Amino acid sequence: MSGFGFDTLALLAVIGMAGPLLASLPRFRIPVVIGELIAGLVVGRTGLGIVDDTDPTFALLANIGFALVMFVVGTHVPVRDKTLRLGIPKALLRVVAIGAVAAVLGVALAKVFGTGHAAVYAVLMASSSAALALPVIDSLRLAGPPVLSVTTQIAIADATSIVLLPLVIDPAQATRAAVGALAIAGGALVLFVLLRAGDRGWRKRLHHYSEDREFALELRLSLIMLFTLCALAVATHVSIMLAGFALGLVISAIGEPRRLARQLFGITEGFFGPLFFVWLGASLQVRELGEHPALILLGLGLGAGALLAHSVGRVFGQPLTLAVLSAAQLGVPVAAATLGTEQHLLAPGEPSALMLGALVTVATTSIAGVLAARPQSADESNAPSG
């Protein structure tokens, strides 16, 4: 493919449709993003080579998609839920225990496969994906104190792992990454204070004015804030995933208007998100898994390790199905694969192994969610009517 024009954009939009098409097959229950990754694999380096993931324009659009995806992930963290905040102590205890088990497993996997990335593996296996697990919980209408508790746990693990990943993936630059992360946190805090002050009335007036005139001012302001934080992230040499996630937490903390949520959903899921996942799939070298069969075992080991680490919640009285559900991974492995590919921090084929591990957790999360919903459905059906 030579050059990058509207023909390329049209082609990428068509390729991105593979996600919804595969997700429409009820028997397989393939998440949309997995279908988009598979499509990227087919047309990228691993497959036909139709698209060039190194094209600067393609990479820029993919980075915008990456920032927006992490932004939306941040907005899914229920920061304002008081019930969730009450469950923080127990959830935090489980997160610490899971992290300890993941650390041991990370050291073991790094030693067995000789990669030297024990800390990266530990963060991956201890992570959770709010963007993946919370929609599953909502769609299956799971409820009750254990569900609220695991939701808190997932939010804590998701936020913590996203902050830790840039520090562990490149230890030589950990100090610089920490300073950059603090800069992003400071910028996000300033935005929170400014937006919080808007509770006095101007945010409400802005909302009504924008809605009446159809100006989408809240979306415009959100993009201005997002790109500003991304520019700060680039300037301080940290991943833009922190910028997107931090702003998402800010918006979640002040309360995301439904209209803004729909607009963000439209531009992210309608174009930039699929383009990012197609780009990520196109950039992965899955063929190298065949050249290095041990990496296939590494991917399976990461997936199994994540399930084993999160199953420690059973020791604290957590239902096994919810413990497995909390092992859902997506954003952190995607970020690790993206950073590892862009900055050449991982061995050839290792990013694909990370994604394989994530796929294992995605499959088991779907099963665990259905099993967790069965007792609740039985209780509802047995409840006396009237």
Protein backbone atom coordinates (compact mmCIF):
# COMPACT_ATOMS: atom_id res chain seq x y z
CA MET A 1 0.00 0.00 0.00
CA SER A 2 1.57 3.30 -1.08
CA GLY A 3 0.59 6.61 0.50
CA PHE A 4 -2.22 7.23 2.95
CA GLY A 5 -5.39 8.81 1.59
CA PHE A 6 -9.12 8.47 1.62
CA ASP A 7 -8.85 5.14 -0.15
CA THR A 8 -6.80 3.84 2.78
CA LEU A 9 -9.29 5.23 5.29
CA ALA A 10 -12.15 3.55 3.45
CA LEU A 11 -10.22 0.28 3.41
CA LEU A 12 -9.50 0.50 7.15
CA ALA A 13 -13.16 1.23 7.88
CA VAL A 14 -14.14 -1.86 5.90
CA ILE A 15 -11.50 -3.97 7.69
CA GLY A 16 -12.79 -2.72 11.05
CA MET A 17 -16.24 -4.10 10.23
CA ALA A 18 -14.82 -7.58 10.87
CA GLY A 19 -15.26 -6.91 14.59
CA PRO A 20 -19.05 -6.42 14.58
CA LEU A 21 -19.48 -9.19 12.00
CA LEU A 22 -17.66 -11.76 14.13
CA ALA A 23 -19.40 -10.51 17.27
CA SER A 24 -22.77 -11.16 15.58
CA LEU A 25 -22.14 -14.91 15.69
CA PRO A 26 -23.93 -15.85 18.96
CA ARG A 27 -22.36 -19.29 19.19
CA PHE A 28 -18.80 -17.94 19.48
CA ARG A 29 -19.40 -14.71 21.47
CA ILE A 30 -16.25 -13.08 20.08
CA PRO A 31 -15.68 -9.59 21.56
CA VAL A 32 -15.66 -6.85 18.92
CA VAL A 33 -12.07 -5.80 19.64
CA ILE A 34 -10.85 -9.37 19.16
CA GLY A 35 -12.41 -9.44 15.70
CA GLU A 36 -10.70 -6.15 14.88
CA LEU A 37 -7.36 -7.50 16.08
CA ILE A 38 -7.81 -10.63 13.97
CA ALA A 39 -8.62 -8.49 10.92
CA GLY A 40 -5.47 -6.46 11.56
CA LEU A 41 -3.42 -9.64 11.74
CA VAL A 42 -4.78 -10.77 8.37
CA VAL A 43 -4.02 -7.51 6.53
CA GLY A 44 -0.82 -6.53 8.38
CA ARG A 45 2.68 -7.88 8.90
CA THR A 46 1.57 -11.37 9.81
CA GLY A 47 -0.78 -11.78 6.87
CA LEU A 48 -1.19 -10.14 3.49
CA GLY A 49 0.79 -6.94 4.13
CA ILE A 50 -1.99 -4.78 2.66
CA VAL A 51 -1.61 -2.03 5.28
CA ASP A 52 1.62 -0.51 6.58
CA ASP A 53 1.54 -0.03 10.36
CA THR A 54 4.70 2.14 10.17
CA ASP A 55 3.01 4.83 8.07
CA PRO A 56 3.20 8.06 10.15
CA THR A 57 -0.40 9.08 9.41
CA PHE A 58 -1.72 5.62 10.24
CA ALA A 59 0.33 5.59 13.46
CA LEU A 60 -0.95 9.05 14.47
CA LEU A 61 -4.60 8.08 13.93
CA ALA A 62 -3.98 4.85 15.83
CA ASN A 63 -2.49 6.80 18.74
CA ILE A 64 -5.57 9.04 18.80
CA GLY A 65 -7.65 5.87 18.93
CA PHE A 66 -5.45 4.49 21.73
CA ALA A 67 -5.90 7.68 23.78
CA LEU A 68 -9.68 7.65 23.21
CA VAL A 69 -9.97 3.96 24.11
CA MET A 70 -8.13 4.53 27.40
CA PHE A 71 -10.26 7.66 27.98
CA VAL A 72 -13.44 5.62 27.65
CA VAL A 73 -11.94 2.90 29.90
CA GLY A 74 -11.36 5.55 32.56
CA THR A 75 -14.95 6.79 32.35
CA HIS A 76 -16.13 3.22 33.02
CA VAL A 77 -14.48 3.20 36.45
CA PRO A 78 -17.36 4.01 38.85
CA VAL A 79 -15.50 6.60 40.93
CA ARG A 80 -18.66 8.28 42.26
CA ASP A 81 -20.36 5.12 43.57
CA LYS A 82 -20.45 5.42 47.41
CA THR A 83 -21.25 1.73 47.87
CA LEU A 84 -18.14 0.85 45.92
CA ARG A 85 -16.01 3.14 48.06
CA LEU A 86 -17.22 1.36 51.21
CA GLY A 87 -15.93 -1.91 49.81
CA ILE A 88 -12.42 -0.56 49.14
CA PRO A 89 -10.66 -2.17 52.18
CA LYS A 90 -11.71 -5.75 51.32
CA ALA A 91 -11.18 -5.21 47.61
CA LEU A 92 -7.75 -3.70 48.23
CA LEU A 93 -6.77 -6.69 50.37
CA ARG A 94 -7.65 -9.05 47.52
CA VAL A 95 -5.77 -6.90 45.00
CA VAL A 96 -2.64 -7.03 47.18
CA ALA A 97 -2.92 -10.81 47.57
CA ILE A 98 -3.44 -11.23 43.82
CA GLY A 99 -0.44 -9.01 43.16
CA ALA A 100 1.73 -11.12 45.47
CA VAL A 101 0.76 -14.34 43.69
CA ALA A 102 1.22 -12.68 40.29
CA ALA A 103 4.70 -11.50 41.31
CA VAL A 104 5.77 -15.05 42.15
CA LEU A 105 4.30 -16.39 38.90
CA GLY A 106 5.92 -13.55 36.94
CA VAL A 107 9.36 -14.42 38.28
CA ALA A 108 8.77 -18.09 37.45
CA LEU A 109 7.63 -17.40 33.87
CA ALA A 110 10.47 -14.96 33.19
CA LYS A 111 12.99 -17.52 34.46
CA VAL A 112 11.52 -20.41 32.49
CA PHE A 113 11.38 -18.46 29.22
CA GLY A 114 14.50 -16.36 29.84
CA THR A 115 12.92 -13.02 28.95
CA GLY A 116 13.84 -10.99 32.04
CA HIS A 117 10.37 -9.40 32.09
CA ALA A 118 9.14 -10.72 35.44
CA ALA A 119 7.75 -7.35 36.54
CA VAL A 120 5.85 -6.88 33.27
CA TYR A 121 4.29 -10.33 33.54
CA ALA A 122 3.36 -9.72 37.18
CA VAL A 123 1.54 -6.47 36.32
CA LEU A 124 -0.27 -8.13 33.43
CA MET A 125 -1.44 -11.13 35.45
CA ALA A 126 -2.55 -8.93 38.38
CA SER A 127 -4.44 -6.53 36.13
CA SER A 128 -8.16 -6.39 35.44
CA SER A 129 -10.10 -4.74 32.64
CA ALA A 130 -12.95 -2.51 33.76
CA ALA A 131 -13.82 -1.88 30.11
CA LEU A 132 -14.30 -5.61 29.52
CA ALA A 133 -15.60 -6.95 32.86
CA LEU A 134 -18.04 -4.18 33.81
CA PRO A 135 -20.08 -4.43 30.58
CA VAL A 136 -20.27 -8.21 31.12
CA ILE A 137 -21.58 -7.63 34.66
CA ASP A 138 -24.14 -5.10 33.38
CA SER A 139 -25.30 -7.22 30.44
CA LEU A 140 -25.85 -10.28 32.66
CA ARG A 141 -27.55 -8.11 35.32
CA LEU A 142 -25.33 -9.44 38.08
CA ALA A 143 -26.10 -7.82 41.43
CA GLY A 144 -25.55 -8.16 45.15
CA PRO A 145 -22.75 -7.34 47.63
CA PRO A 146 -20.21 -9.80 46.12
CA VAL A 147 -20.70 -8.20 42.68
CA LEU A 148 -20.25 -4.68 44.07
CA SER A 149 -17.11 -5.86 45.85
CA VAL A 150 -15.59 -7.41 42.73
CA THR A 151 -16.45 -4.25 40.78
CA THR A 152 -14.42 -2.22 43.27
CA GLN A 153 -11.59 -4.74 43.02
CA ILE A 154 -11.56 -4.54 39.22
CA ALA A 155 -11.48 -0.73 39.31
CA ILE A 156 -8.53 -0.69 41.74
CA ALA A 157 -6.57 -3.32 39.82
CA ASP A 158 -7.23 -1.61 36.48
CA ALA A 159 -6.09 1.81 37.68
CA THR A 160 -3.05 0.48 39.53
CA SER A 161 -1.79 -1.69 36.68
CA ILE A 162 -2.14 1.10 34.13
CA VAL A 163 0.01 3.36 36.32
CA LEU A 164 2.60 0.63 37.00
CA LEU A 165 3.01 -0.67 33.44
CA PRO A 166 5.15 2.21 32.06
CA LEU A 167 7.40 1.95 35.12
CA VAL A 168 8.09 -1.78 34.78
CA ILE A 169 8.20 -2.23 31.02
CA ASP A 170 11.32 -0.05 30.72
CA PRO A 171 13.10 -0.08 34.12
CA ALA A 172 15.99 2.03 32.81
CA GLN A 173 13.53 4.89 32.30
CA ALA A 174 11.47 4.24 35.44
CA THR A 175 12.45 7.52 37.10
CA ARG A 176 11.58 9.53 34.01
CA ALA A 177 8.33 7.59 33.63
CA ALA A 178 7.46 8.25 37.28
CA VAL A 179 8.06 11.98 36.85
CA GLY A 180 5.96 11.97 33.69
CA ALA A 181 3.18 10.05 35.45
CA LEU A 182 3.20 12.63 38.25
CA ALA A 183 2.97 15.39 35.65
CA ILE A 184 -0.05 13.71 34.06
CA ALA A 185 -1.63 13.20 37.50
CA GLY A 186 -1.02 16.86 38.33
CA GLY A 187 -2.55 17.99 35.05
CA ALA A 188 -5.57 15.74 35.60
CA LEU A 189 -5.97 17.10 39.14
CA VAL A 190 -5.97 20.68 37.84
CA LEU A 191 -8.65 19.77 35.31
CA PHE A 192 -10.71 18.08 38.03
CA VAL A 193 -10.57 21.19 40.24
CA LEU A 194 -11.56 23.43 37.33
CA LEU A 195 -14.41 21.17 36.24
CA ARG A 196 -15.56 20.62 39.81
CA ALA A 197 -15.88 24.36 40.21
CA GLY A 198 -18.30 24.18 37.30
CA ASP A 199 -20.86 22.59 39.63
CA ARG A 200 -21.69 26.17 40.58
CA GLY A 201 -23.60 26.57 37.34
CA TRP A 202 -21.48 27.26 34.29
CA ARG A 203 -21.16 23.61 33.30
CA LYS A 204 -24.92 23.23 33.37
CA ARG A 205 -25.40 26.37 31.30
CA LEU A 206 -22.76 25.17 28.84
CA HIS A 207 -24.54 21.82 28.57
CA HIS A 208 -27.93 23.37 27.79
CA TYR A 209 -26.45 25.91 25.37
CA SER A 210 -24.53 23.20 23.51
CA GLU A 211 -27.57 20.92 23.40
CA ASP A 212 -29.90 23.67 22.14
CA ARG A 213 -27.46 24.87 19.46
CA GLU A 214 -26.12 21.38 18.65
CA PHE A 215 -22.53 22.58 19.00
CA ALA A 216 -21.13 19.48 20.83
CA LEU A 217 -19.14 21.84 23.04
CA GLU A 218 -18.60 19.23 25.79
CA LEU A 219 -17.10 16.85 23.27
CA ARG A 220 -14.88 19.59 21.89
CA LEU A 221 -13.68 20.55 25.35
CA SER A 222 -13.08 16.88 26.22
CA LEU A 223 -10.93 16.44 23.11
CA ILE A 224 -9.02 19.65 23.89
CA MET A 225 -8.26 18.34 27.39
CA LEU A 226 -7.38 14.88 26.06
CA PHE A 227 -4.99 16.16 23.40
CA THR A 228 -3.41 18.57 25.89
CA LEU A 229 -2.72 15.76 28.35
CA CYS A 230 -1.44 13.60 25.47
CA ALA A 231 0.94 16.41 24.46
CA LEU A 232 2.14 16.57 28.07
CA ALA A 233 2.62 12.80 28.05
CA VAL A 234 4.69 12.96 24.86
CA ALA A 235 6.74 15.85 26.24
CA THR A 236 7.49 13.93 29.45
CA HIS A 237 8.15 10.66 27.59
CA VAL A 238 5.32 8.59 29.07
CA SER A 239 2.58 6.64 27.35
CA ILE A 240 -0.50 8.47 26.16
CA MET A 241 -2.53 5.68 27.76
CA LEU A 242 -1.98 7.43 31.11
CA ALA A 243 -3.27 10.70 29.67
CA GLY A 244 -6.43 9.07 28.34
CA PHE A 245 -7.08 7.02 31.46
CA ALA A 246 -6.45 9.95 33.85
CA LEU A 247 -8.87 12.20 31.98
CA GLY A 248 -11.45 9.39 31.93
CA LEU A 249 -11.21 9.14 35.73
CA VAL A 250 -11.68 12.92 35.99
CA ILE A 251 -14.82 12.84 33.83
CA SER A 252 -16.14 9.85 35.79
CA ALA A 253 -15.50 11.65 39.09
CA ILE A 254 -17.43 14.78 38.11
CA GLY A 255 -20.18 12.84 36.33
CA GLU A 256 -20.20 12.17 32.60
CA PRO A 257 -23.26 13.67 30.83
CA ARG A 258 -25.17 11.07 28.82
CA ARG A 259 -24.91 13.21 25.71
CA LEU A 260 -21.11 13.32 26.03
CA ALA A 261 -21.03 9.56 26.64
CA ARG A 262 -22.95 8.97 23.41
CA GLN A 263 -20.68 11.32 21.47
CA LEU A 264 -17.52 9.67 22.82
CA PHE A 265 -18.99 6.28 22.04
CA GLY A 266 -19.68 7.41 18.48
CA ILE A 267 -16.23 8.72 17.59
CA THR A 268 -14.37 6.01 19.50
CA GLU A 269 -16.33 2.89 18.61
CA GLY A 270 -17.37 4.24 15.21
CA PHE A 271 -13.90 4.95 13.87
CA PHE A 272 -10.85 5.63 16.03
CA GLY A 273 -11.16 2.58 18.30
CA PRO A 274 -11.50 0.04 15.47
CA LEU A 275 -8.68 1.77 13.57
CA PHE A 276 -6.41 1.44 16.62
CA PHE A 277 -7.14 -2.26 17.11
CA VAL A 278 -6.67 -2.94 13.39
CA TRP A 279 -3.33 -1.08 13.59
CA LEU A 280 -2.31 -3.08 16.66
CA GLY A 281 -3.17 -6.35 14.95
CA ALA A 282 -1.31 -5.24 11.83
CA SER A 283 1.78 -4.41 13.90
CA LEU A 284 1.94 -7.77 15.70
CA GLN A 285 4.26 -10.44 14.34
CA VAL A 286 2.27 -13.58 15.08
CA ARG A 287 4.40 -15.54 12.62
CA GLU A 288 7.19 -15.22 15.14
CA LEU A 289 5.13 -17.36 17.52
CA GLY A 290 5.56 -20.15 14.98
CA GLU A 291 9.27 -19.43 14.77
CA HIS A 292 9.49 -19.42 18.56
CA PRO A 293 6.99 -22.06 19.77
CA ALA A 294 8.01 -21.36 23.37
CA LEU A 295 6.23 -18.01 23.10
CA ILE A 296 2.94 -19.83 22.56
CA LEU A 297 3.51 -21.56 25.88
CA LEU A 298 4.40 -18.17 27.38
CA GLY A 299 1.08 -16.72 26.23
CA LEU A 300 -0.86 -19.67 27.59
CA GLY A 301 1.15 -19.44 30.81
CA LEU A 302 0.29 -15.75 31.21
CA GLY A 303 -3.40 -16.49 30.73
CA ALA A 304 -3.37 -19.42 33.13
CA GLY A 305 -1.27 -17.43 35.60
CA ALA A 306 -3.79 -14.58 35.59
CA LEU A 307 -6.62 -17.01 36.34
CA LEU A 308 -4.61 -18.67 39.11
CA ALA A 309 -3.61 -15.34 40.68
CA HIS A 310 -7.15 -13.97 40.70
CA SER A 311 -8.52 -17.24 42.06
CA VAL A 312 -6.81 -16.36 45.35
CA GLY A 313 -9.93 -14.27 45.99
CA ARG A 314 -11.62 -17.56 46.86
CA VAL A 315 -9.47 -17.64 50.01
CA PHE A 316 -11.21 -14.41 51.09
CA GLY A 317 -14.67 -15.86 50.50
CA GLN A 318 -15.13 -14.55 46.98
CA PRO A 319 -17.19 -16.81 44.65
CA LEU A 320 -14.88 -18.56 42.18
CA THR A 321 -16.89 -17.36 39.19
CA LEU A 322 -16.45 -13.72 40.23
CA ALA A 323 -12.76 -14.31 40.95
CA VAL A 324 -12.29 -15.62 37.41
CA LEU A 325 -14.39 -12.75 36.06
CA SER A 326 -12.00 -10.28 37.72
CA ALA A 327 -9.11 -11.79 35.73
CA ALA A 328 -10.45 -10.24 32.52
CA GLN A 329 -7.61 -8.47 30.71
CA LEU A 330 -7.57 -6.23 27.69
CA GLY A 331 -6.38 -2.65 28.13
CA VAL A 332 -3.14 -3.44 29.96
CA PRO A 333 -1.97 -6.24 27.60
CA VAL A 334 -2.90 -4.02 24.63
CA ALA A 335 -0.90 -1.16 26.16
CA ALA A 336 2.06 -3.46 26.88
CA ALA A 337 2.02 -4.84 23.34
CA THR A 338 1.75 -1.32 21.90
CA LEU A 339 4.57 0.09 24.02
CA GLY A 340 6.72 -2.97 23.44
CA THR A 341 6.23 -2.75 19.68
CA GLU A 342 6.71 1.02 19.35
CA GLN A 343 9.77 1.24 21.61
CA HIS A 344 11.26 -2.19 20.80
CA LEU A 345 11.22 -3.18 24.47
CA LEU A 346 10.04 -6.76 24.00
CA ALA A 347 11.56 -9.74 22.20
CA PRO A 348 10.32 -10.67 18.70
CA GLY A 349 6.92 -12.29 19.01
CA GLU A 350 6.58 -11.43 22.70
CA PRO A 351 3.84 -8.81 22.11
CA SER A 352 1.79 -11.51 20.38
CA ALA A 353 2.34 -13.80 23.37
CA LEU A 354 0.96 -11.08 25.66
CA MET A 355 -2.15 -10.80 23.51
CA LEU A 356 -2.55 -14.58 23.50
CA GLY A 357 -2.57 -14.52 27.29
CA ALA A 358 -5.25 -11.82 27.21
CA LEU A 359 -7.37 -13.92 24.85
CA VAL A 360 -7.30 -16.78 27.36
CA THR A 361 -8.76 -14.48 30.05
CA VAL A 362 -11.34 -13.06 27.64
CA ALA A 363 -12.63 -16.57 26.87
CA THR A 364 -12.79 -17.62 30.52
CA THR A 365 -14.41 -14.33 31.57
CA SER A 366 -17.30 -14.94 29.19
CA ILE A 367 -17.83 -18.42 30.63
CA ALA A 368 -17.48 -17.26 34.25
CA GLY A 369 -20.02 -14.48 33.71
CA VAL A 370 -22.63 -16.89 32.40
CA LEU A 371 -22.01 -19.30 35.29
CA ALA A 372 -22.24 -16.46 37.82
CA ALA A 373 -25.61 -15.42 36.39
CA ARG A 374 -27.17 -18.90 36.72
CA PRO A 375 -27.70 -18.94 40.52
CA GLN A 376 -29.12 -15.42 40.36
CA SER A 377 -31.55 -16.41 37.59
CA ALA A 378 -32.60 -19.47 39.59
CA ASP A 379 -33.25 -17.34 42.69
CA GLU A 380 -35.38 -14.93 40.67
CA SER A 381 -37.41 -17.74 39.11
CA ASN A 382 -38.00 -19.35 42.51
CA ALA A 383 -39.02 -16.11 44.18
CA PRO A 384 -42.74 -15.98 45.14
CA SER A 385 -44.81 -13.82 42.83
CA GLY A 386 -47.08 -11.07 44.04
